[in-house]
Amino acid sequence: MATSLGVAVFVHTSYRDERIDGFVRSSQKISVQPEAEIDLPSSDMGLSNNEKSVAPVVSRRLSKTAESFAVFQPNADVLYPGALVRTSSLVSGTLQPVGNIGRAPSEVTITNITLLEKENQTGGDAKAAVYSSRIDNPDASSVNEAVRSMVKRVVPGTTAAKLSYQLLKTNSLEEGFTRLGISAGWLGGEVKSSLGKQVREEKSSFIIKFSQEYYTASFATPARPSDVFSRRVTSGDLEQTRGDSLGYISSVTYGRVLYVVVSSSVHEDQMRTTLDLALKQVASKQELQFSHAQREMLGSSEIRILALGGNSDQAMKVISGDLTKVRDFLESGAQFSANSPGVPISYTARYLSDNELAKVSFTTNYVVETGKARAPVTAVVRLVALDVYLDGSPGKDKWSTWVTINGKRYKVWNRKKDISDNGNITDPKGPGGDGNASRYSLENEYEVSLSPGEPLKVEFHGVAHDNDDAVDPSSRLFLPSDYWGIGQSTDTINNYPCHRMGAANGHQTEYYIWFNIRKKE
């Protein structure tokens, strides 16, 4: 109530505003469940870590709640500060706009950035005099243009990205993202394809999120729901949204994000130590330095990377899976600039009814092994003998052989040798069953450290040369074995239970290697 010249004047809220406010406030908000992690009633006994033994596993359910939403499939027509959305679409991550309804003027404000007073100013006494922009009819085009106009006045070299990272152990891709506060339903097929549809259970896997935030654009909070609509809008225009609560995009943060998924046969503790070291060096802008063992560990790991935002050339380099490129990528975007443009990486939404932050709950199920963790083992691979068969004229021949054990190459023998059809052994397993071969005893022995569940893979290679030392491509043999379980064997040579590996290529010298595998005590 106000008084003027002794006369009481009552000011009433318009009927139109009351109808709109009542309609918006009558809708139900999204139901939010408490965060929890529980074991599901049923458990199972099954194969674990690709071994032929049974290990206990249990299914679990992880529930999380988010009030800031990651962006994977930005819809430029909907994702901007002030956009009106159906809050039910927050659950799926694909925002659904409210129909074409007139809007009242409002403001968009930029934070976490330093702007010049004028667009053509070049420096000197630059200061952040203007952070907000008034928009007469807020829509995707006008709001995005207002944001672009403001960030064009960034003071060079003054807007450092806010860098943060998270490292989490995960049993599946969905579990990892859920722990990051990201629903697996938001990812989309392209994201899952980039990072791998699933994390293989026999490996220890981690997910890392690097975030570089440049600036945030926010929409002015309305005093009441009707304030966001033009005076021509009535409650009847909102009937299309009945049954769904209305919300608005409160803020959008722009920057760059890297998601890294690392899967390895290495023991979880060893891999976490190595990744922790890498992350600390990346965060402090140091050169990545690892021990020989750590370099081998990373070299044998499967690394998948998804880059969102920034220069496309830089992104192409980083998705190669090389962690050193991650450091280069983050350093190149340490400052916001035209060469390092940001994209929407997250946003918040509020209910139009009372400006409360909108929250969404989501769950995922995953399987985890509950058995006791196994310690690393050392396998000893001993090369016992090499059989050389000749399918052709006898005489001197130069030949080279080597083995590769879990990716590391070892020379067996490189020499010239007189090879004849009259071999020194008879072996019915030889080519054609004639058994003629020359056998050479070997004493090469190699130790290989294996993480729990890591298979032992032995490959045998042989190359025969002609008398003029030219390599005959038809004599190249690449003979990978499958997983050789410790203790298994096919024959005994020189008192060693041995595996035999080799192949006949049809018309050239043929090689067969005998090797023994045992567990180092």
Protein backbone atom coordinates (compact mmCIF):
# COMPACT_ATOMS: atom_id res chain seq x y z
CA MET A 1 0.00 0.00 0.00
CA ALA A 2 1.23 3.59 -0.79
CA THR A 3 -0.19 6.96 0.32
CA SER A 4 -0.28 10.23 -1.65
CA LEU A 5 -1.90 13.46 -0.42
CA GLY A 6 -3.63 11.50 2.32
CA VAL A 7 -5.32 9.10 -0.13
CA ALA A 8 -4.57 5.37 0.18
CA VAL A 9 -3.58 3.73 -3.12
CA PHE A 10 -3.51 -0.11 -3.33
CA VAL A 11 -1.19 -1.66 -5.95
CA HIS A 12 -2.30 -5.14 -7.03
CA THR A 13 -0.33 -7.70 -9.02
CA SER A 14 -1.96 -8.07 -12.41
CA TYR A 15 -4.35 -10.96 -12.97
CA ARG A 16 -2.24 -12.10 -15.94
CA ASP A 17 0.92 -12.39 -13.83
CA GLU A 18 -0.87 -14.28 -11.09
CA ARG A 19 -2.27 -16.81 -13.58
CA ILE A 20 1.18 -17.43 -15.12
CA ASP A 21 2.88 -17.69 -11.73
CA GLY A 22 0.24 -20.09 -10.47
CA PHE A 23 0.48 -22.29 -13.56
CA VAL A 24 4.30 -22.55 -13.39
CA ARG A 25 4.35 -23.20 -9.64
CA SER A 26 1.74 -25.96 -9.85
CA SER A 27 4.04 -28.37 -11.72
CA GLN A 28 5.94 -31.18 -10.02
CA LYS A 29 9.72 -31.16 -9.78
CA ILE A 30 11.96 -34.07 -10.77
CA SER A 31 12.18 -36.75 -8.09
CA VAL A 32 15.72 -37.01 -6.71
CA GLN A 33 16.97 -40.14 -4.97
CA PRO A 34 19.70 -40.20 -2.30
CA GLU A 35 23.20 -41.13 -3.42
CA ALA A 36 24.12 -44.71 -2.56
CA GLU A 37 26.22 -47.70 -3.52
CA ILE A 38 24.75 -51.10 -2.68
CA ASP A 39 25.36 -54.78 -3.39
CA LEU A 40 22.53 -56.32 -5.36
CA PRO A 41 20.83 -59.37 -3.79
CA SER A 42 22.20 -61.86 -6.33
CA SER A 43 25.89 -62.63 -6.66
CA ASP A 44 27.65 -65.02 -8.97
CA MET A 45 30.74 -67.14 -9.29
CA GLY A 46 32.38 -66.84 -12.65
CA LEU A 47 35.53 -66.39 -14.67
CA SER A 48 37.62 -63.43 -13.60
CA ASN A 49 40.74 -61.86 -15.11
CA ASN A 50 40.65 -64.33 -18.01
CA GLU A 51 41.92 -67.15 -15.81
CA LYS A 52 40.68 -70.73 -15.73
CA SER A 53 39.90 -70.51 -12.05
CA VAL A 54 36.69 -69.41 -10.42
CA ALA A 55 36.67 -66.14 -8.52
CA PRO A 56 33.79 -64.55 -6.61
CA VAL A 57 32.15 -61.57 -8.25
CA VAL A 58 29.26 -59.41 -7.09
CA SER A 59 26.91 -57.00 -8.83
CA ARG A 60 26.61 -53.49 -7.44
CA ARG A 61 24.39 -50.50 -8.06
CA LEU A 62 25.78 -46.97 -7.90
CA SER A 63 23.41 -43.98 -7.59
CA LYS A 64 24.59 -40.38 -7.98
CA THR A 65 22.98 -36.94 -8.17
CA ALA A 66 24.10 -34.06 -10.41
CA GLU A 67 23.26 -30.38 -10.26
CA SER A 68 25.79 -29.40 -12.93
CA PHE A 69 25.40 -31.15 -16.26
CA ALA A 70 28.22 -32.18 -18.58
CA VAL A 71 27.83 -31.40 -22.27
CA PHE A 72 28.46 -34.06 -24.91
CA GLN A 73 25.85 -33.30 -27.57
CA PRO A 74 25.35 -29.53 -27.45
CA ASN A 75 22.20 -28.25 -29.15
CA ALA A 76 22.98 -24.63 -30.01
CA ASP A 77 19.27 -23.84 -30.33
CA VAL A 78 18.63 -24.82 -26.71
CA LEU A 79 21.88 -24.61 -24.76
CA TYR A 80 22.37 -20.93 -23.99
CA PRO A 81 21.92 -18.85 -20.82
CA GLY A 82 18.24 -18.09 -20.30
CA ALA A 83 16.85 -20.81 -22.56
CA LEU A 84 13.51 -22.16 -21.34
CA VAL A 85 13.49 -25.96 -21.17
CA ARG A 86 11.34 -28.83 -19.99
CA THR A 87 13.17 -30.04 -16.89
CA SER A 88 12.25 -33.67 -17.61
CA SER A 89 14.70 -33.52 -20.54
CA LEU A 90 17.58 -32.95 -18.10
CA VAL A 91 17.39 -36.66 -17.31
CA SER A 92 18.26 -37.74 -20.86
CA GLY A 93 20.77 -34.95 -21.49
CA THR A 94 18.98 -33.96 -24.70
CA LEU A 95 17.38 -30.64 -23.83
CA GLN A 96 13.81 -30.04 -24.99
CA PRO A 97 12.91 -26.37 -25.45
CA VAL A 98 9.62 -24.75 -24.63
CA GLY A 99 7.77 -23.64 -27.81
CA ASN A 100 8.07 -20.22 -29.40
CA ILE A 101 6.91 -17.99 -26.55
CA GLY A 102 7.63 -14.27 -26.31
CA ARG A 103 10.32 -13.27 -23.81
CA ALA A 104 10.84 -10.21 -21.66
CA PRO A 105 14.16 -8.30 -21.75
CA SER A 106 16.88 -9.61 -19.46
CA GLU A 107 20.64 -9.61 -18.87
CA VAL A 108 23.47 -12.07 -19.45
CA THR A 109 26.60 -11.73 -17.33
CA ILE A 110 30.12 -13.02 -18.00
CA THR A 111 32.33 -14.06 -15.07
CA ASN A 112 35.85 -15.47 -14.62
CA ILE A 113 37.17 -13.35 -17.48
CA THR A 114 38.84 -9.95 -17.94
CA LEU A 115 37.39 -7.70 -20.65
CA LEU A 116 38.46 -4.46 -22.31
CA GLU A 117 36.20 -1.43 -21.96
CA LYS A 118 35.92 -1.11 -25.74
CA GLU A 119 36.06 -3.72 -28.45
CA ASN A 120 38.87 -1.96 -30.36
CA GLN A 121 40.96 -1.24 -27.27
CA THR A 122 44.44 -2.80 -27.41
CA GLY A 123 45.66 -2.63 -23.85
CA GLY A 124 47.14 0.07 -21.66
CA ASP A 125 44.78 0.79 -18.77
CA ALA A 126 42.36 -1.93 -19.83
CA LYS A 127 39.85 -2.87 -17.21
CA ALA A 128 36.77 -5.01 -16.99
CA ALA A 129 34.19 -2.23 -17.16
CA VAL A 130 31.39 -4.17 -18.84
CA TYR A 131 30.50 -7.70 -17.82
CA SER A 132 26.78 -7.71 -18.58
CA SER A 133 24.73 -7.27 -21.71
CA ARG A 134 21.04 -6.39 -21.89
CA ILE A 135 19.06 -8.46 -24.37
CA ASP A 136 15.65 -7.21 -25.46
CA ASN A 137 14.28 -10.54 -26.73
CA PRO A 138 16.41 -13.40 -25.38
CA ASP A 139 16.74 -16.27 -27.86
CA ALA A 140 19.60 -18.47 -29.07
CA SER A 141 20.81 -15.99 -31.68
CA SER A 142 20.72 -12.82 -29.57
CA VAL A 143 22.17 -14.41 -26.42
CA ASN A 144 25.01 -16.18 -28.21
CA GLU A 145 25.84 -13.01 -30.12
CA ALA A 146 25.93 -11.03 -26.86
CA VAL A 147 28.31 -13.58 -25.34
CA ARG A 148 30.55 -13.53 -28.43
CA SER A 149 30.66 -9.73 -28.41
CA MET A 150 31.78 -9.66 -24.80
CA VAL A 151 34.47 -12.35 -25.07
CA LYS A 152 35.91 -10.65 -28.18
CA ARG A 153 37.13 -7.98 -25.76
CA VAL A 154 39.24 -10.37 -23.70
CA VAL A 155 42.46 -8.77 -22.46
CA PRO A 156 45.26 -10.80 -24.12
CA GLY A 157 47.14 -13.04 -21.72
CA THR A 158 44.93 -12.35 -18.71
CA THR A 159 42.36 -15.14 -18.85
CA ALA A 160 44.02 -18.28 -17.55
CA ALA A 161 42.05 -21.48 -17.72
CA LYS A 162 40.97 -22.99 -14.41
CA LEU A 163 42.55 -26.46 -14.61
CA SER A 164 41.27 -29.39 -12.58
CA TYR A 165 41.46 -33.15 -12.91
CA GLN A 166 39.94 -36.29 -11.42
CA LEU A 167 41.38 -39.82 -11.42
CA LEU A 168 39.05 -42.72 -10.62
CA LYS A 169 39.33 -46.51 -10.70
CA THR A 170 36.51 -48.07 -12.67
CA ASN A 171 35.11 -51.48 -13.56
CA SER A 172 33.16 -50.23 -16.57
CA LEU A 173 32.86 -47.10 -18.69
CA GLU A 174 29.39 -46.42 -17.31
CA GLU A 175 30.54 -46.78 -13.70
CA GLY A 176 33.47 -44.42 -14.30
CA PHE A 177 31.30 -41.65 -15.73
CA THR A 178 28.70 -42.13 -13.02
CA ARG A 179 31.37 -41.58 -10.37
CA LEU A 180 32.31 -38.37 -12.19
CA GLY A 181 28.70 -37.21 -11.77
CA ILE A 182 27.83 -37.89 -15.41
CA SER A 183 24.94 -40.11 -16.44
CA ALA A 184 25.85 -42.80 -18.95
CA GLY A 185 22.68 -41.81 -20.80
CA TRP A 186 24.23 -38.46 -21.71
CA LEU A 187 27.22 -39.95 -23.52
CA GLY A 188 25.80 -40.90 -26.89
CA GLY A 189 27.13 -43.42 -29.38
CA GLU A 190 29.97 -41.24 -30.67
CA VAL A 191 31.41 -40.74 -27.20
CA LYS A 192 31.21 -44.44 -26.35
CA SER A 193 32.86 -45.26 -29.66
CA SER A 194 35.73 -42.87 -28.93
CA LEU A 195 36.37 -44.19 -25.44
CA GLY A 196 35.46 -47.85 -25.95
CA LYS A 197 32.03 -49.32 -25.41
CA GLN A 198 33.17 -51.22 -22.36
CA VAL A 199 36.17 -51.61 -20.11
CA ARG A 200 37.48 -55.16 -20.28
CA GLU A 201 37.03 -56.86 -16.95
CA GLU A 202 40.40 -58.63 -16.99
CA LYS A 203 42.22 -55.32 -16.84
CA SER A 204 42.67 -52.60 -14.23
CA SER A 205 41.06 -49.50 -15.68
CA PHE A 206 41.00 -45.83 -14.76
CA ILE A 207 39.12 -42.83 -16.06
CA ILE A 208 40.63 -39.35 -15.93
CA LYS A 209 38.84 -36.07 -16.52
CA PHE A 210 40.84 -32.92 -17.29
CA SER A 211 38.82 -29.69 -17.27
CA GLN A 212 39.96 -26.24 -18.41
CA GLU A 213 37.29 -23.63 -17.63
CA TYR A 214 37.59 -20.29 -19.46
CA TYR A 215 34.48 -18.32 -18.48
CA THR A 216 30.86 -18.67 -17.41
CA ALA A 217 27.83 -16.89 -18.88
CA SER A 218 24.86 -16.53 -16.51
CA PHE A 219 21.24 -15.50 -16.92
CA ALA A 220 19.74 -12.95 -14.54
CA THR A 221 17.54 -14.63 -11.91
CA PRO A 222 13.89 -13.58 -12.35
CA ALA A 223 11.97 -12.35 -9.30
CA ARG A 224 8.90 -14.35 -10.34
CA PRO A 225 8.04 -16.77 -13.18
CA SER A 226 5.98 -14.26 -15.15
CA ASP A 227 8.96 -11.89 -15.36
CA VAL A 228 10.63 -13.94 -18.11
CA PHE A 229 7.67 -13.63 -20.53
CA SER A 230 6.60 -10.72 -22.67
CA ARG A 231 3.40 -8.92 -21.72
CA ARG A 232 1.59 -10.59 -24.63
CA VAL A 233 2.03 -14.09 -23.15
CA THR A 234 -0.83 -15.56 -21.12
CA SER A 235 -1.13 -18.70 -19.04
CA GLY A 236 -2.97 -20.28 -21.97
CA ASP A 237 0.19 -20.08 -24.06
CA LEU A 238 1.89 -22.34 -21.51
CA GLU A 239 -0.70 -25.12 -21.72
CA GLN A 240 1.64 -27.00 -24.08
CA THR A 241 3.92 -27.63 -21.09
CA ARG A 242 1.26 -28.91 -18.70
CA GLY A 243 2.50 -31.95 -16.79
CA ASP A 244 6.13 -30.90 -17.08
CA SER A 245 7.94 -28.44 -14.84
CA LEU A 246 9.49 -25.44 -16.57
CA GLY A 247 13.11 -24.52 -16.09
CA TYR A 248 15.71 -22.20 -17.54
CA ILE A 249 19.41 -22.56 -18.26
CA SER A 250 20.94 -20.57 -15.42
CA SER A 251 24.58 -20.69 -16.51
CA VAL A 252 26.82 -22.17 -19.17
CA THR A 253 30.54 -22.73 -18.60
CA TYR A 254 32.82 -22.62 -21.64
CA GLY A 255 36.21 -24.25 -21.95
CA ARG A 256 37.82 -27.58 -22.87
CA VAL A 257 37.55 -31.09 -21.46
CA LEU A 258 39.63 -34.22 -21.95
CA TYR A 259 38.36 -37.65 -20.96
CA VAL A 260 41.05 -40.34 -20.80
CA VAL A 261 40.36 -44.05 -20.27
CA VAL A 262 43.42 -46.17 -19.42
CA SER A 263 43.18 -49.98 -19.36
CA SER A 264 46.13 -52.14 -18.44
CA SER A 265 47.11 -55.63 -17.37
CA VAL A 266 49.29 -54.03 -14.71
CA HIS A 267 48.25 -54.34 -11.08
CA GLU A 268 45.89 -51.57 -9.96
CA ASP A 269 48.27 -50.11 -7.35
CA GLN A 270 51.16 -49.92 -9.81
CA MET A 271 49.05 -48.22 -12.46
CA ARG A 272 47.55 -45.72 -10.00
CA THR A 273 51.03 -44.73 -8.81
CA THR A 274 52.16 -44.15 -12.40
CA LEU A 275 49.04 -42.16 -13.34
CA ASP A 276 49.24 -40.06 -10.16
CA LEU A 277 52.80 -39.13 -11.11
CA ALA A 278 51.74 -38.25 -14.65
CA LEU A 279 48.86 -36.06 -13.45
CA LYS A 280 51.02 -34.15 -10.99
CA GLN A 281 53.59 -33.46 -13.70
CA VAL A 282 50.89 -32.36 -16.14
CA ALA A 283 49.29 -30.04 -13.56
CA SER A 284 52.65 -28.44 -12.73
CA LYS A 285 53.57 -28.13 -16.45
CA GLN A 286 56.61 -30.37 -16.06
CA GLU A 287 58.07 -32.68 -18.68
CA LEU A 288 56.70 -36.18 -18.17
CA GLN A 289 59.43 -38.32 -16.66
CA PHE A 290 58.98 -42.00 -15.91
CA SER A 291 61.14 -44.91 -14.91
CA HIS A 292 61.87 -47.57 -17.50
CA ALA A 293 59.29 -49.87 -15.90
CA GLN A 294 56.65 -47.11 -15.90
CA ARG A 295 57.29 -46.31 -19.56
CA GLU A 296 56.83 -49.98 -20.42
CA MET A 297 53.69 -50.04 -18.32
CA LEU A 298 52.15 -47.12 -20.20
CA GLY A 299 53.40 -48.43 -23.52
CA SER A 300 51.54 -51.69 -23.02
CA SER A 301 48.35 -49.97 -21.81
CA GLU A 302 45.31 -49.20 -23.91
CA ILE A 303 44.71 -45.43 -23.78
CA ARG A 304 41.64 -43.81 -25.32
CA ILE A 305 41.07 -40.05 -25.29
CA LEU A 306 38.11 -37.79 -26.10
CA ALA A 307 38.81 -34.06 -26.54
CA LEU A 308 35.99 -31.49 -26.39
CA GLY A 309 36.79 -27.89 -27.30
CA GLY A 310 39.91 -26.13 -28.48
CA ASN A 311 41.79 -26.12 -31.75
CA SER A 312 40.88 -29.12 -33.94
CA ASP A 313 44.53 -29.73 -34.94
CA GLN A 314 45.52 -29.92 -31.27
CA ALA A 315 42.63 -32.28 -30.57
CA MET A 316 43.69 -34.61 -33.41
CA LYS A 317 47.17 -34.90 -31.91
CA VAL A 318 45.98 -35.73 -28.42
CA ILE A 319 43.54 -38.49 -29.37
CA SER A 320 46.50 -40.62 -30.47
CA GLY A 321 46.62 -41.93 -26.90
CA ASP A 322 50.05 -40.52 -26.01
CA LEU A 323 49.98 -38.99 -22.51
CA THR A 324 52.78 -36.57 -23.47
CA LYS A 325 50.36 -35.09 -26.01
CA VAL A 326 47.85 -34.54 -23.20
CA ARG A 327 50.34 -32.25 -21.50
CA ASP A 328 50.95 -30.36 -24.76
CA PHE A 329 47.21 -30.03 -25.37
CA LEU A 330 46.53 -28.61 -21.92
CA GLU A 331 49.48 -26.23 -22.10
CA SER A 332 48.36 -24.92 -25.50
CA GLY A 333 45.01 -23.99 -23.97
CA ALA A 334 46.27 -22.57 -20.69
CA GLN A 335 45.01 -19.13 -21.80
CA PHE A 336 41.73 -18.36 -23.52
CA SER A 337 42.38 -16.99 -27.01
CA ALA A 338 41.15 -17.13 -30.58
CA ASN A 339 43.50 -20.10 -31.12
CA SER A 340 41.98 -21.91 -28.16
CA PRO A 341 38.24 -21.30 -28.35
CA GLY A 342 36.04 -22.74 -25.67
CA VAL A 343 32.87 -24.73 -26.15
CA PRO A 344 30.04 -25.36 -23.69
CA ILE A 345 31.37 -28.00 -21.29
CA SER A 346 28.79 -27.80 -18.50
CA TYR A 347 25.63 -25.98 -17.50
CA THR A 348 23.23 -25.52 -14.61
CA ALA A 349 19.45 -25.25 -14.76
CA ARG A 350 16.93 -23.78 -12.32
CA TYR A 351 13.23 -24.31 -11.83
CA LEU A 352 11.29 -21.32 -13.08
CA SER A 353 8.83 -21.76 -10.21
CA ASP A 354 11.27 -20.77 -7.42
CA ASN A 355 14.80 -20.56 -8.96
CA GLU A 356 15.93 -23.71 -7.13
CA LEU A 357 18.80 -25.56 -8.81
CA ALA A 358 17.49 -28.53 -10.76
CA LYS A 359 19.04 -31.87 -9.81
CA VAL A 360 18.95 -35.25 -11.52
CA SER A 361 19.59 -38.74 -10.12
CA PHE A 362 20.94 -41.63 -12.18
CA THR A 363 22.17 -45.15 -11.53
CA THR A 364 24.36 -47.80 -13.10
CA ASN A 365 25.03 -51.44 -12.34
CA TYR A 366 28.48 -52.97 -12.54
CA VAL A 367 30.29 -56.17 -11.61
CA VAL A 368 33.36 -56.25 -9.39
CA GLU A 369 35.61 -59.10 -8.30
CA THR A 370 35.57 -59.62 -4.56
CA GLY A 371 38.31 -62.23 -4.35
CA LYS A 372 41.70 -61.52 -2.84
CA ALA A 373 44.00 -59.54 -5.13
CA ARG A 374 46.76 -61.59 -6.68
CA ALA A 375 50.37 -60.48 -6.57
CA PRO A 376 52.49 -60.13 -9.74
CA VAL A 377 54.40 -63.23 -10.85
CA THR A 378 57.64 -63.69 -12.77
CA ALA A 379 57.67 -66.15 -15.65
CA VAL A 380 60.96 -67.60 -16.88
CA VAL A 381 61.07 -68.36 -20.60
CA ARG A 382 63.95 -70.67 -21.61
CA LEU A 383 64.74 -71.32 -25.27
CA VAL A 384 65.80 -74.98 -25.38
CA ALA A 385 66.29 -75.91 -29.02
CA LEU A 386 65.84 -74.73 -32.59
CA ASP A 387 64.93 -77.15 -35.41
CA VAL A 388 65.71 -76.10 -38.97
CA TYR A 389 64.16 -77.96 -41.90
CA LEU A 390 65.13 -77.53 -45.56
CA ASP A 391 62.72 -77.88 -48.43
CA GLY A 392 65.12 -77.48 -51.36
CA SER A 393 68.75 -78.00 -52.31
CA PRO A 394 71.24 -78.49 -49.48
CA GLY A 395 74.05 -76.00 -49.01
CA LYS A 396 75.07 -72.98 -47.04
CA ASP A 397 72.26 -70.66 -46.14
CA LYS A 398 72.09 -67.55 -43.98
CA TRP A 399 69.17 -67.33 -41.61
CA SER A 400 67.99 -65.16 -38.76
CA THR A 401 65.63 -66.02 -35.93
CA TRP A 402 64.31 -64.10 -32.96
CA VAL A 403 61.53 -64.23 -30.42
CA THR A 404 59.28 -61.53 -29.05
CA ILE A 405 58.06 -62.03 -25.49
CA ASN A 406 55.24 -59.72 -24.43
CA GLY A 407 56.34 -57.16 -26.98
CA LYS A 408 60.10 -57.25 -26.28
CA ARG A 409 62.41 -58.67 -28.96
CA TYR A 410 65.25 -61.13 -28.23
CA LYS A 411 67.71 -62.51 -30.80
CA VAL A 412 67.92 -66.32 -31.02
CA TRP A 413 70.55 -66.89 -33.69
CA ASN A 414 71.87 -65.02 -36.72
CA ARG A 415 74.41 -67.09 -38.69
CA LYS A 416 75.40 -68.99 -41.83
CA LYS A 417 75.02 -72.71 -41.50
CA ASP A 418 75.45 -75.73 -43.73
CA ILE A 419 71.99 -77.26 -43.85
CA SER A 420 71.41 -80.55 -45.63
CA ASP A 421 68.54 -82.92 -46.14
CA ASN A 422 70.30 -85.35 -43.82
CA GLY A 423 69.28 -83.82 -40.51
CA ASN A 424 70.67 -84.89 -37.18
CA ILE A 425 67.24 -85.72 -35.75
CA THR A 426 64.20 -87.63 -36.84
CA ASP A 427 60.94 -85.90 -36.00
CA PRO A 428 57.64 -87.17 -37.39
CA LYS A 429 56.17 -83.73 -36.61
CA GLY A 430 58.38 -82.17 -39.28
CA PRO A 431 57.19 -80.90 -42.69
CA GLY A 432 55.70 -83.69 -44.74
CA GLY A 433 56.35 -86.11 -41.90
CA ASP A 434 59.83 -86.99 -43.19
CA GLY A 435 61.42 -85.81 -39.96
CA ASN A 436 64.71 -84.57 -41.46
CA ALA A 437 65.98 -81.57 -39.53
CA SER A 438 69.02 -79.98 -37.97
CA ARG A 439 68.60 -79.32 -34.26
CA TYR A 440 70.62 -76.71 -32.42
CA SER A 441 70.66 -76.54 -28.64
CA LEU A 442 69.96 -73.18 -27.04
CA GLU A 443 70.43 -71.85 -23.53
CA ASN A 444 68.75 -68.44 -23.83
CA GLU A 445 66.69 -67.60 -20.74
CA TYR A 446 64.53 -64.54 -20.10
CA GLU A 447 62.50 -63.37 -17.10
CA VAL A 448 59.17 -61.65 -17.67
CA SER A 449 57.18 -59.90 -14.93
CA LEU A 450 53.45 -60.50 -15.28
CA SER A 451 50.70 -58.58 -13.54
CA PRO A 452 47.69 -60.53 -12.27
CA GLY A 453 45.69 -61.74 -15.23
CA GLU A 454 48.31 -60.67 -17.78
CA PRO A 455 48.85 -63.37 -20.43
CA LEU A 456 52.27 -64.51 -21.53
CA LYS A 457 52.59 -64.07 -25.29
CA VAL A 458 55.52 -65.55 -27.22
CA GLU A 459 56.09 -64.84 -30.90
CA PHE A 460 58.70 -66.61 -33.06
CA HIS A 461 60.16 -65.01 -36.19
CA GLY A 462 62.42 -66.52 -38.84
CA VAL A 463 63.98 -65.11 -42.00
CA ALA A 464 66.02 -67.05 -44.56
CA HIS A 465 68.42 -65.26 -46.92
CA ASP A 466 69.62 -66.37 -50.33
CA ASN A 467 73.33 -66.94 -50.93
CA ASP A 468 73.70 -63.33 -52.04
CA ASP A 469 72.32 -62.30 -48.63
CA ALA A 470 69.12 -60.92 -50.12
CA VAL A 471 66.09 -61.63 -47.98
CA ASP A 472 63.55 -63.89 -49.57
CA PRO A 473 60.19 -62.44 -48.42
CA SER A 474 58.47 -65.80 -48.84
CA SER A 475 60.58 -67.23 -46.03
CA ARG A 476 59.44 -64.75 -43.39
CA LEU A 477 57.60 -66.46 -40.58
CA PHE A 478 55.55 -64.63 -37.98
CA LEU A 479 54.34 -67.22 -35.52
CA PRO A 480 52.39 -65.85 -32.55
CA SER A 481 51.32 -68.22 -29.84
CA ASP A 482 48.16 -68.08 -27.84
CA TYR A 483 48.28 -67.81 -24.07
CA TRP A 484 50.65 -70.50 -22.76
CA GLY A 485 49.59 -71.46 -19.27
CA ILE A 486 52.48 -71.97 -16.87
CA GLY A 487 53.07 -75.71 -16.43
CA GLN A 488 51.55 -76.76 -19.76
CA SER A 489 53.81 -78.50 -22.29
CA THR A 490 53.79 -80.53 -25.49
CA ASP A 491 57.05 -82.55 -25.33
CA THR A 492 60.29 -82.94 -23.40
CA ILE A 493 63.57 -81.73 -24.95
CA ASN A 494 66.88 -81.93 -23.07
CA ASN A 495 64.91 -82.78 -19.93
CA TYR A 496 62.75 -79.63 -20.25
CA PRO A 497 58.99 -79.83 -20.74
CA CYS A 498 58.63 -77.66 -23.83
CA HIS A 499 56.21 -75.87 -26.07
CA ARG A 500 56.80 -76.16 -29.80
CA MET A 501 56.06 -73.33 -32.17
CA GLY A 502 56.67 -73.07 -35.90
CA ALA A 503 55.13 -73.35 -39.34
CA ALA A 504 55.88 -74.55 -42.85
CA ASN A 505 55.60 -71.94 -45.59
CA GLY A 506 55.64 -74.40 -48.46
CA HIS A 507 58.95 -74.02 -50.25
CA GLN A 508 61.64 -72.45 -48.09
CA THR A 509 63.60 -73.09 -44.92
CA GLU A 510 61.34 -73.81 -41.96
CA TYR A 511 61.97 -73.22 -38.27
CA TYR A 512 60.56 -74.67 -35.08
CA ILE A 513 61.45 -73.33 -31.66
CA TRP A 514 61.23 -75.33 -28.42
CA PHE A 515 60.85 -73.33 -25.23
CA ASN A 516 60.11 -73.99 -21.59
CA ILE A 517 58.03 -71.81 -19.26
CA ARG A 518 58.15 -71.96 -15.51
CA LYS A 519 57.17 -69.75 -12.63
CA LYS A 520 60.04 -68.19 -10.75
CA GLU A 521 59.88 -69.13 -7.10
